[in-house]
Structures are given as structure tokens and as C-alpha cells.
């Protein structure tokens, strides 16, 4: 790389590093605020909170790279214009395209790096952090348990107990209602119940299975019955992964499997295409930033910051709206994911070429 390229790239990376650092700090503070209720009520140890935050940093980087890219481009070009360095470069015989080449190249490298970070590191990091959170969601299962009141626990169960030992989390003379999607709940009359790990253990009871007409279909006695009360939470955070916790290949296989069974997959397909479109946003932001930088070469740096904030805000609003429309099937998934990039590229590239012909 020539001296000029190194000089421009170094200037760009200084601004880029400062902005991405500030963005991650801001997002970390926001994450702590959102988790404050969980931290205070569940008394999560500091080292666990720190691990969750560290595991979420890769996802923060992916979201922050486009923001840092546009700020770095506009601040770099603004600084060069303010000090008349662009004029000096043009006087030295360099074309405009040659001057911006290092910036476009750096934005392309960041886009590629963002894709691999989002593909290799982010899914597993998100999955592990969600599993940490799951452990503390389970701790709230018995928080609302009191004697002589109804309380709901995971697994579609509603309990009523006449005696409750708050210290041991033991229940005596328990009525257990197992809700169903349709019809009346099944009812169990139990002498003793207790939470042991992820299970609700019931001892010495009789279960009444109620049919759709509200009559007892059958009844039977049991010595011990164990129910997995963490199934719903584990299904959400453990065994099954959200699209944000899956690499693109696994998500594509899941989509194909759903399609074979004629299941609706618009939400999953939209998230699949977003795995590719979000990294490319770095390049889109760089092109748009260059357009405004060359259109207003004498603007002060704070003007560039304001313009960058507006452009970032408009982009994320468009992305949020299109993603929601893609999930609901109002837009085709690929258009919902790529629409904002297409708009920015289609507007910025022709105007950028025209501005410096």
C-alpha cells in the first residue's frame, strides 16, 4: 500500500475505532439498564453479568460497524477538506476516485469481517448468553407462591396450596391445574409438592382427567409424579435456537425443512437474508457518507456528525419497518432485508459519480 493509502486508511481507522468504542460502551450501558430488574431481583453474581455482557459484545460490533463506518468516512473527508488536503491531492494529479479508494477498500474489508463475525462468533455467543439468562428465569418459578392463593408456573400449570414453606419451597395439600389448549384443565389433588431443580415433584396424589364436556373422564392415584416445569423456557433458550443464534447454513436447512411441511417461513427467511445485508450496510454507509462529504466539502465537522446521525436514523427506521413487513409477509423476505441497502446504493452512487465528474 502506498504512503497516501496508508495515510488515509490510518486517519479513517482512528475515527472508526473511536466511534465503535463509544457505540459499544453506549450499548453496554443500555444492556445493563435493560437487565437491571433481572440483576436486582435475581441477584445475579457480578461475574455472570460480566460474562453475559462480554458474550453480547460481538453482536454490538456487528450493529456498530455501519454507524462507525459512516462517521469515520465523513469525519475523515471533513478533516481533509478543512485542512485543504483534498485540494492538494487533486493538484498533485490524483483523481477523486483514487483519493476515496482507500476508504471504499476499508469499508469493503469491514463488511467482509462483519459477515464472518456475524456468521462464526455471534450465533454461539448469543446462544450461550441466553442460556445464562435462562438459569435465572427458572429461579423465579416459586417467587409468587403463597398459601391459599392461585399461582402460575412454567409448563402451563396453575397451583393452589393450603400450606407453603417459603424457606424450603415445599407445598402441602396442593391442587394442580394442567391447562390445555382447548377444553377444561386436568386436576390433581396432591398431599405434598416441591421444586427440585427443573422439576416439580408431586407425591401421594390423585389425578382427574376432565373431558371437553367438563366431566371426569378417568381418575387414577399416583405415588410420585414429576413434571418438567422448565420445558417452555428451555425450548426458548436452550434446545431450540432463534435465527440470531444460528449460522446461516443451519438457518437455511431449518427453512427448507419447514417449507417441506408447508409451514410459513417469512420471518425466518427475512432474518436469513439480514445475515448478509447487515454487513453490506458498511459499504452502503461509506458510499452515502462520501456523497455528502464531497457535496459539502467546506462544512465543519459537527455538520458531518449531524448528517451522519440523520442518515443512520433513517436507515435503521427503514430497516425496522421493512423487517417487520417481511416477518408479516407484506414484503418478500429478500426485499425486506436488502431494501434499505438498495435504496442507499441507488441514490448515492449516481449522485457521487455526478458530483465529481
Protein backbone atom coordinates (compact mmCIF):
# COMPACT_ATOMS: atom_id res chain seq x y z
CA UNK A 1 0.00 0.00 0.00
CA UNK A 2 1.37 3.39 -0.94
CA UNK A 3 2.07 6.17 1.55
CA UNK A 4 -1.12 8.03 0.60
CA UNK A 5 -3.23 4.91 1.07
CA UNK A 6 -1.71 4.24 4.48
CA UNK A 7 -2.22 7.87 5.47
CA UNK A 8 -5.91 7.92 4.52
CA UNK A 9 -6.56 4.45 5.97
CA UNK A 10 -4.88 5.39 9.26
CA UNK A 11 -6.97 8.54 9.56
CA UNK A 12 -10.10 6.52 8.83
CA UNK A 13 -9.27 3.83 11.40
CA UNK A 14 -8.64 6.38 14.14
CA UNK A 15 -12.14 7.80 13.75
CA UNK A 16 -13.61 4.33 13.19
CA UNK A 17 -12.04 2.94 16.36
CA UNK A 18 -13.19 5.90 18.47
CA UNK A 19 -16.78 5.65 17.23
CA UNK A 20 -17.08 1.88 17.58
CA UNK A 21 -15.65 2.08 21.11
CA UNK A 22 -18.22 4.72 22.05
CA UNK A 23 -21.01 2.70 20.43
CA UNK A 24 -20.13 -0.48 22.36
CA UNK A 25 -19.91 1.46 25.63
CA UNK A 26 -23.33 3.00 24.95
CA UNK A 27 -24.87 -0.35 24.04
CA UNK A 28 -23.32 -2.00 27.10
CA UNK A 29 -24.87 0.65 29.32
CA UNK A 30 -28.22 0.14 27.62
CA UNK A 31 -27.95 -3.64 28.12
CA UNK A 32 -27.19 -3.20 31.81
CA UNK A 33 -30.21 -0.91 32.14
CA UNK A 34 -32.47 -3.46 30.44
CA UNK A 35 -31.10 -6.21 32.68
CA UNK A 36 -31.29 -4.11 35.87
CA UNK A 37 -34.56 -5.70 37.02
CA UNK A 38 -33.15 -9.19 36.46
CA UNK A 39 -29.92 -8.26 38.23
CA UNK A 40 -31.62 -6.79 41.29
CA UNK A 41 -34.43 -9.32 41.67
CA UNK A 42 -32.42 -12.45 40.88
CA UNK A 43 -29.21 -11.22 42.49
CA UNK A 44 -27.14 -12.38 39.56
CA UNK A 45 -23.44 -12.53 40.55
CA UNK A 46 -21.21 -9.89 39.03
CA UNK A 47 -19.05 -12.41 37.17
CA UNK A 48 -22.15 -13.87 35.47
CA UNK A 49 -23.35 -10.40 34.44
CA UNK A 50 -19.90 -9.62 33.08
CA UNK A 51 -19.88 -12.87 31.07
CA UNK A 52 -23.30 -12.07 29.57
CA UNK A 53 -22.10 -8.59 28.60
CA UNK A 54 -18.87 -9.92 27.09
CA UNK A 55 -20.82 -12.51 25.08
CA UNK A 56 -23.04 -9.77 23.67
CA UNK A 57 -20.18 -7.56 22.53
CA UNK A 58 -19.72 -9.35 19.16
CA UNK A 59 -23.35 -8.60 18.24
CA UNK A 60 -22.80 -4.99 19.32
CA UNK A 61 -19.81 -4.78 16.99
CA UNK A 62 -21.86 -6.05 14.03
CA UNK A 63 -24.55 -3.43 14.67
CA UNK A 64 -22.00 -0.71 15.38
CA UNK A 65 -19.74 -1.20 12.35
CA UNK A 66 -22.07 0.59 9.87
CA UNK A 67 -22.50 3.50 12.28
CA UNK A 68 -18.75 3.78 12.82
CA UNK A 69 -18.11 3.50 9.07
CA UNK A 70 -20.26 6.46 8.06
CA UNK A 71 -18.94 8.63 10.88
CA UNK A 72 -15.34 7.71 10.05
CA UNK A 73 -15.82 8.47 6.33
CA UNK A 74 -17.45 11.83 6.92
CA UNK A 75 -15.04 12.90 9.66
CA UNK A 76 -12.02 11.82 7.62
CA UNK A 77 -13.15 13.64 4.48
CA UNK A 78 -14.24 16.61 6.56
CA UNK A 79 -10.83 16.88 8.18
CA UNK A 80 -9.05 16.60 4.81
CA UNK A 81 -11.31 19.25 3.27
CA UNK A 82 -10.94 21.61 6.22
CA UNK A 83 -7.13 21.45 6.00
CA UNK A 84 -7.25 21.71 2.17
CA UNK A 85 -5.58 18.32 1.82
CA UNK A 86 -8.06 17.19 -0.81
CA UNK A 87 -7.19 20.27 -2.89
CA UNK A 88 -3.51 19.41 -2.51
CA UNK A 89 -4.13 15.81 -3.59
CA UNK A 90 -6.13 16.95 -6.64
CA UNK A 91 -3.42 19.49 -7.51
CA UNK A 92 -0.90 16.65 -7.37
CA UNK A 93 -2.78 14.93 -10.16
CA UNK A 94 -4.83 12.41 -8.15
CA UNK A 95 -8.35 11.72 -9.35
CA UNK A 96 -11.25 11.79 -6.95
CA UNK A 97 -11.73 8.03 -7.30
CA UNK A 98 -8.09 7.46 -6.39
CA UNK A 99 -8.46 9.59 -3.28
CA UNK A 100 -11.53 7.74 -1.99
CA UNK A 101 -10.24 4.28 -2.96
CA UNK A 102 -8.67 3.58 0.49
CA UNK A 103 -11.96 4.49 2.20
CA UNK A 104 -14.04 2.25 -0.06
CA UNK A 105 -11.47 -0.52 0.36
CA UNK A 106 -11.58 -0.25 4.17
CA UNK A 107 -15.39 -0.28 4.13
CA UNK A 108 -15.30 -3.44 1.98
CA UNK A 109 -12.87 -5.14 4.39
CA UNK A 110 -15.10 -4.18 7.33
CA UNK A 111 -18.14 -5.61 5.52
CA UNK A 112 -16.36 -8.94 4.97
CA UNK A 113 -15.12 -9.02 8.57
CA UNK A 114 -18.60 -8.15 9.83
CA UNK A 115 -20.11 -11.04 7.88
CA UNK A 116 -17.69 -13.60 9.29
CA UNK A 117 -18.07 -12.21 12.80
CA UNK A 118 -21.85 -12.43 12.45
CA UNK A 119 -21.59 -15.92 10.99
CA UNK A 120 -18.96 -17.57 13.20
CA UNK A 121 -18.87 -15.79 16.56
CA UNK A 122 -22.20 -14.04 17.15
CA UNK A 123 -24.62 -17.05 16.98
CA UNK A 124 -22.79 -19.11 19.60
CA UNK A 125 -22.14 -16.08 21.79
CA UNK A 126 -25.84 -15.16 21.70
CA UNK A 127 -26.84 -18.73 22.47
CA UNK A 128 -24.53 -19.03 25.48
CA UNK A 129 -25.61 -15.66 26.91
CA UNK A 130 -29.27 -16.65 26.54
CA UNK A 131 -28.60 -19.88 28.40
CA UNK A 132 -27.09 -17.89 31.26
CA UNK A 133 -30.25 -15.81 31.42
CA UNK A 134 -32.42 -18.93 31.32
CA UNK A 135 -30.90 -20.19 34.55
CA UNK A 136 -32.10 -17.10 36.38
CA UNK A 137 -35.52 -17.12 34.80
CA UNK A 138 -36.00 -20.52 36.40
CA UNK A 139 -35.25 -19.03 39.81
CA UNK A 140 -38.48 -17.00 39.69
CA UNK A 141 -40.71 -20.08 39.39
CA UNK A 142 -41.69 -20.12 43.05
CA UNK A 143 -41.40 -16.41 43.82
CA UNK A 144 -45.14 -15.79 43.75
CA UNK A 145 -46.02 -18.92 45.70
CA UNK A 146 -48.21 -18.26 48.75
CA UNK A 147 -50.66 -20.25 50.79
CA UNK A 148 -54.35 -20.08 49.84
CA UNK A 149 -53.79 -18.32 46.50
CA UNK A 150 -53.52 -19.49 42.89
CA UNK A 151 -50.16 -19.00 41.17
CA UNK A 152 -48.90 -19.96 37.72
CA UNK A 153 -45.59 -21.65 36.90
CA UNK A 154 -43.99 -22.62 33.55
CA UNK A 155 -45.36 -25.64 31.72
CA UNK A 156 -48.99 -24.49 31.70
CA UNK A 157 -49.53 -25.33 35.38
CA UNK A 158 -51.60 -23.43 37.96
CA UNK A 159 -51.13 -24.38 41.62
CA UNK A 160 -53.18 -23.82 44.76
CA UNK A 161 -51.69 -24.84 48.11
CA UNK A 162 -53.05 -24.63 51.65
CA UNK A 163 -49.59 -24.66 53.25
CA UNK A 164 -46.38 -23.24 51.86
CA UNK A 165 -42.91 -23.32 53.41
CA UNK A 166 -41.17 -20.28 51.90
CA UNK A 167 -37.72 -21.36 53.12
CA UNK A 168 -37.85 -24.93 51.83
CA UNK A 169 -40.17 -24.18 48.89
CA UNK A 170 -42.36 -27.08 49.95
CA UNK A 171 -46.11 -27.24 49.36
CA UNK A 172 -48.74 -29.20 51.29
CA UNK A 173 -52.28 -30.11 50.23
CA UNK A 174 -51.84 -28.94 46.65
CA UNK A 175 -54.34 -28.60 43.81
CA UNK A 176 -52.62 -28.72 40.40
CA UNK A 177 -54.45 -27.50 37.30
CA UNK A 178 -52.88 -28.57 33.98
CA UNK A 179 -54.22 -26.20 31.35
CA UNK A 180 -54.95 -27.38 27.81
CA UNK A 181 -55.20 -25.56 24.51
CA UNK A 182 -58.89 -26.48 24.34
CA UNK A 183 -61.34 -27.66 27.00
CA UNK A 184 -61.16 -27.95 30.76
CA UNK A 185 -57.88 -28.44 32.67
CA UNK A 186 -56.94 -31.73 34.27
CA UNK A 187 -56.86 -31.55 38.08
CA UNK A 188 -54.57 -33.29 40.57
CA UNK A 189 -55.15 -33.38 44.34
CA UNK A 190 -51.73 -33.84 45.93
CA UNK A 191 -50.55 -34.26 49.53
CA UNK A 192 -47.02 -32.89 49.01
CA UNK A 193 -45.15 -30.98 46.29
CA UNK A 194 -41.68 -29.50 45.89
CA UNK A 195 -39.43 -27.87 43.31
CA UNK A 196 -36.29 -29.89 42.71
CA UNK A 197 -34.03 -28.44 40.05
CA UNK A 198 -36.03 -28.07 36.83
CA UNK A 199 -38.80 -30.39 38.02
CA UNK A 200 -42.00 -30.12 40.05
CA UNK A 201 -42.20 -33.33 42.12
CA UNK A 202 -45.69 -34.33 43.33
CA UNK A 203 -46.18 -37.08 45.92
CA UNK A 204 -49.26 -39.02 47.01
CA UNK A 205 -51.98 -37.68 44.76
CA UNK A 206 -54.94 -38.45 42.57
CA UNK A 207 -55.38 -37.08 39.06
CA UNK A 208 -58.72 -36.34 37.44
CA UNK A 209 -58.73 -36.13 33.63
CA UNK A 210 -61.56 -33.83 32.50
CA UNK A 211 -63.17 -34.22 29.09
CA UNK A 212 -64.41 -31.42 26.81
CA UNK A 213 -67.86 -31.52 28.46
CA UNK A 214 -66.39 -30.83 31.91
CA UNK A 215 -66.96 -34.35 33.23
CA UNK A 216 -64.36 -36.64 34.79
CA UNK A 217 -63.16 -38.98 32.05
CA UNK A 218 -60.95 -41.07 34.33
CA UNK A 219 -59.07 -40.83 37.60
CA UNK A 220 -56.04 -42.62 38.97
CA UNK A 221 -53.78 -42.50 42.01
CA UNK A 222 -50.02 -41.98 41.90
CA UNK A 223 -47.22 -42.22 44.43
CA UNK A 224 -44.86 -39.84 42.64
CA UNK A 225 -45.26 -37.68 39.55
CA UNK A 226 -42.50 -35.49 38.08
CA UNK A 227 -43.22 -32.61 35.72
CA UNK A 228 -40.60 -30.67 33.78
CA UNK A 229 -41.56 -27.06 34.54
CA UNK A 230 -38.62 -25.63 32.58
CA UNK A 231 -39.68 -27.10 29.23
CA UNK A 232 -41.02 -23.86 27.78
CA UNK A 233 -38.03 -21.82 28.91
CA UNK A 234 -35.56 -24.45 27.73
CA UNK A 235 -37.38 -24.63 24.41
CA UNK A 236 -36.95 -20.88 24.04
CA UNK A 237 -33.37 -20.53 25.27
CA UNK A 238 -31.79 -23.96 25.15
CA UNK A 239 -32.60 -26.74 22.75
CA UNK A 240 -34.11 -24.59 20.01
CA UNK A 241 -32.21 -21.58 18.70
CA UNK A 242 -33.60 -18.33 17.39
CA UNK A 243 -32.34 -17.13 13.97
CA UNK A 244 -29.94 -14.80 15.82
CA UNK A 245 -28.42 -17.87 17.49
CA UNK A 246 -27.96 -19.84 14.27
CA UNK A 247 -25.39 -19.70 11.48
CA UNK A 248 -26.79 -19.07 8.02
CA UNK A 249 -26.32 -22.68 6.87
CA UNK A 250 -28.30 -24.14 9.78
CA UNK A 251 -31.00 -21.49 9.40
CA UNK A 252 -31.32 -22.31 5.68
CA UNK A 253 -31.73 -26.02 6.47
CA UNK A 254 -34.44 -25.16 9.01
CA UNK A 255 -36.25 -23.01 6.43
CA UNK A 256 -36.10 -25.79 3.82
CA UNK A 257 -37.44 -28.29 6.35
CA UNK A 258 -40.33 -26.01 7.26
CA UNK A 259 -41.14 -25.46 3.59
CA UNK A 260 -41.43 -29.21 3.01
CA UNK A 261 -44.19 -29.25 5.61
CA UNK A 262 -45.88 -26.17 4.09
CA UNK A 263 -45.17 -24.05 7.16
CA UNK A 264 -44.94 -20.25 6.99
CA UNK A 265 -41.28 -19.19 6.96
CA UNK A 266 -41.40 -15.49 6.02
CA UNK A 267 -39.92 -14.42 9.38
CA UNK A 268 -37.08 -16.95 9.25
CA UNK A 269 -36.30 -16.13 5.61
CA UNK A 270 -36.21 -12.40 6.38
CA UNK A 271 -33.75 -12.97 9.23
CA UNK A 272 -31.71 -15.25 6.95
CA UNK A 273 -31.25 -12.54 4.31
CA UNK A 274 -30.46 -9.98 7.02
CA UNK A 275 -27.38 -12.04 7.90
CA UNK A 276 -25.97 -10.94 4.54
CA UNK A 277 -27.48 -7.48 4.17
CA UNK A 278 -26.36 -6.02 7.51
CA UNK A 279 -22.62 -6.48 6.78
CA UNK A 280 -23.08 -4.85 3.35
CA UNK A 281 -24.57 -1.83 5.16
CA UNK A 282 -20.98 -0.84 5.96
CA UNK A 283 -20.26 -0.29 2.26
CA UNK A 284 -23.63 1.42 1.70
CA UNK A 285 -22.95 3.84 4.56
CA UNK A 286 -19.45 4.55 3.24
CA UNK A 287 -20.80 5.47 -0.22
CA UNK A 288 -23.53 7.68 1.24
CA UNK A 289 -21.04 9.32 3.59
CA UNK A 290 -18.72 10.10 0.69
CA UNK A 291 -21.62 11.63 -1.25
CA UNK A 292 -22.41 14.14 1.49
CA UNK A 293 -18.74 14.77 2.21
CA UNK A 294 -17.92 15.77 -1.38
CA UNK A 295 -21.20 17.65 -1.82
CA UNK A 296 -20.35 19.89 1.14
CA UNK A 297 -16.54 19.89 1.28
CA UNK A 298 -16.27 23.01 3.43
CA UNK A 299 -18.74 22.03 6.10
CA UNK A 300 -17.41 21.88 9.64
CA UNK A 301 -17.04 18.52 11.32
CA UNK A 302 -20.10 18.97 13.52
CA UNK A 303 -22.25 19.32 10.39
CA UNK A 304 -20.94 15.96 9.22
CA UNK A 305 -21.84 14.45 12.57
CA UNK A 306 -25.40 15.76 12.35
CA UNK A 307 -25.81 14.49 8.78
CA UNK A 308 -24.37 11.10 9.76
CA UNK A 309 -26.82 10.83 12.68
CA UNK A 310 -29.74 11.62 10.37
CA UNK A 311 -28.60 9.08 7.76
CA UNK A 312 -28.10 6.37 10.39
CA UNK A 313 -31.50 7.08 11.95
CA UNK A 314 -33.28 6.96 8.58
CA UNK A 315 -31.54 3.70 7.69
CA UNK A 316 -32.43 1.95 10.95
CA UNK A 317 -36.04 3.14 10.76
CA UNK A 318 -36.28 1.77 7.23
CA UNK A 319 -34.66 -1.48 8.32
CA UNK A 320 -37.03 -1.88 11.29
CA UNK A 321 -40.13 -1.20 9.20
CA UNK A 322 -39.04 -3.47 6.34
CA UNK A 323 -38.05 -6.26 8.73
CA UNK A 324 -41.48 -6.12 10.36
CA UNK A 325 -43.16 -6.15 6.95
CA UNK A 326 -41.01 -9.11 5.93
CA UNK A 327 -41.96 -11.04 9.05
CA UNK A 328 -45.65 -10.42 8.35
CA UNK A 329 -45.33 -11.42 4.70
CA UNK A 330 -46.12 -7.92 3.41
CA UNK A 331 -42.74 -7.84 1.59
CA UNK A 332 -40.76 -10.66 0.07
CA UNK A 333 -38.04 -11.67 2.56
CA UNK A 334 -35.06 -10.72 0.36
CA UNK A 335 -36.52 -7.27 -0.38
CA UNK A 336 -37.29 -6.71 3.30
CA UNK A 337 -33.65 -7.43 4.13
CA UNK A 338 -31.97 -5.71 1.19
CA UNK A 339 -34.41 -2.86 0.51
CA UNK A 340 -32.66 -0.18 2.56
CA UNK A 341 -29.27 -1.07 1.04
CA UNK A 342 -30.69 -0.94 -2.48
CA UNK A 343 -32.21 2.50 -1.81
CA UNK A 344 -28.98 3.92 -0.38
CA UNK A 345 -26.83 2.49 -3.18
CA UNK A 346 -29.20 3.54 -5.97
CA UNK A 347 -29.33 7.12 -4.72
CA UNK A 348 -25.73 7.59 -3.60
CA UNK A 349 -23.67 6.02 -6.40
CA UNK A 350 -25.11 8.03 -9.35
CA UNK A 351 -25.00 11.28 -7.37
CA UNK A 352 -21.47 10.57 -6.18
CA UNK A 353 -20.27 9.99 -9.76
CA UNK A 354 -22.09 13.11 -10.93
CA UNK A 355 -20.68 15.23 -8.12
CA UNK A 356 -17.08 14.61 -9.16
CA UNK A 357 -17.19 14.25 -12.93
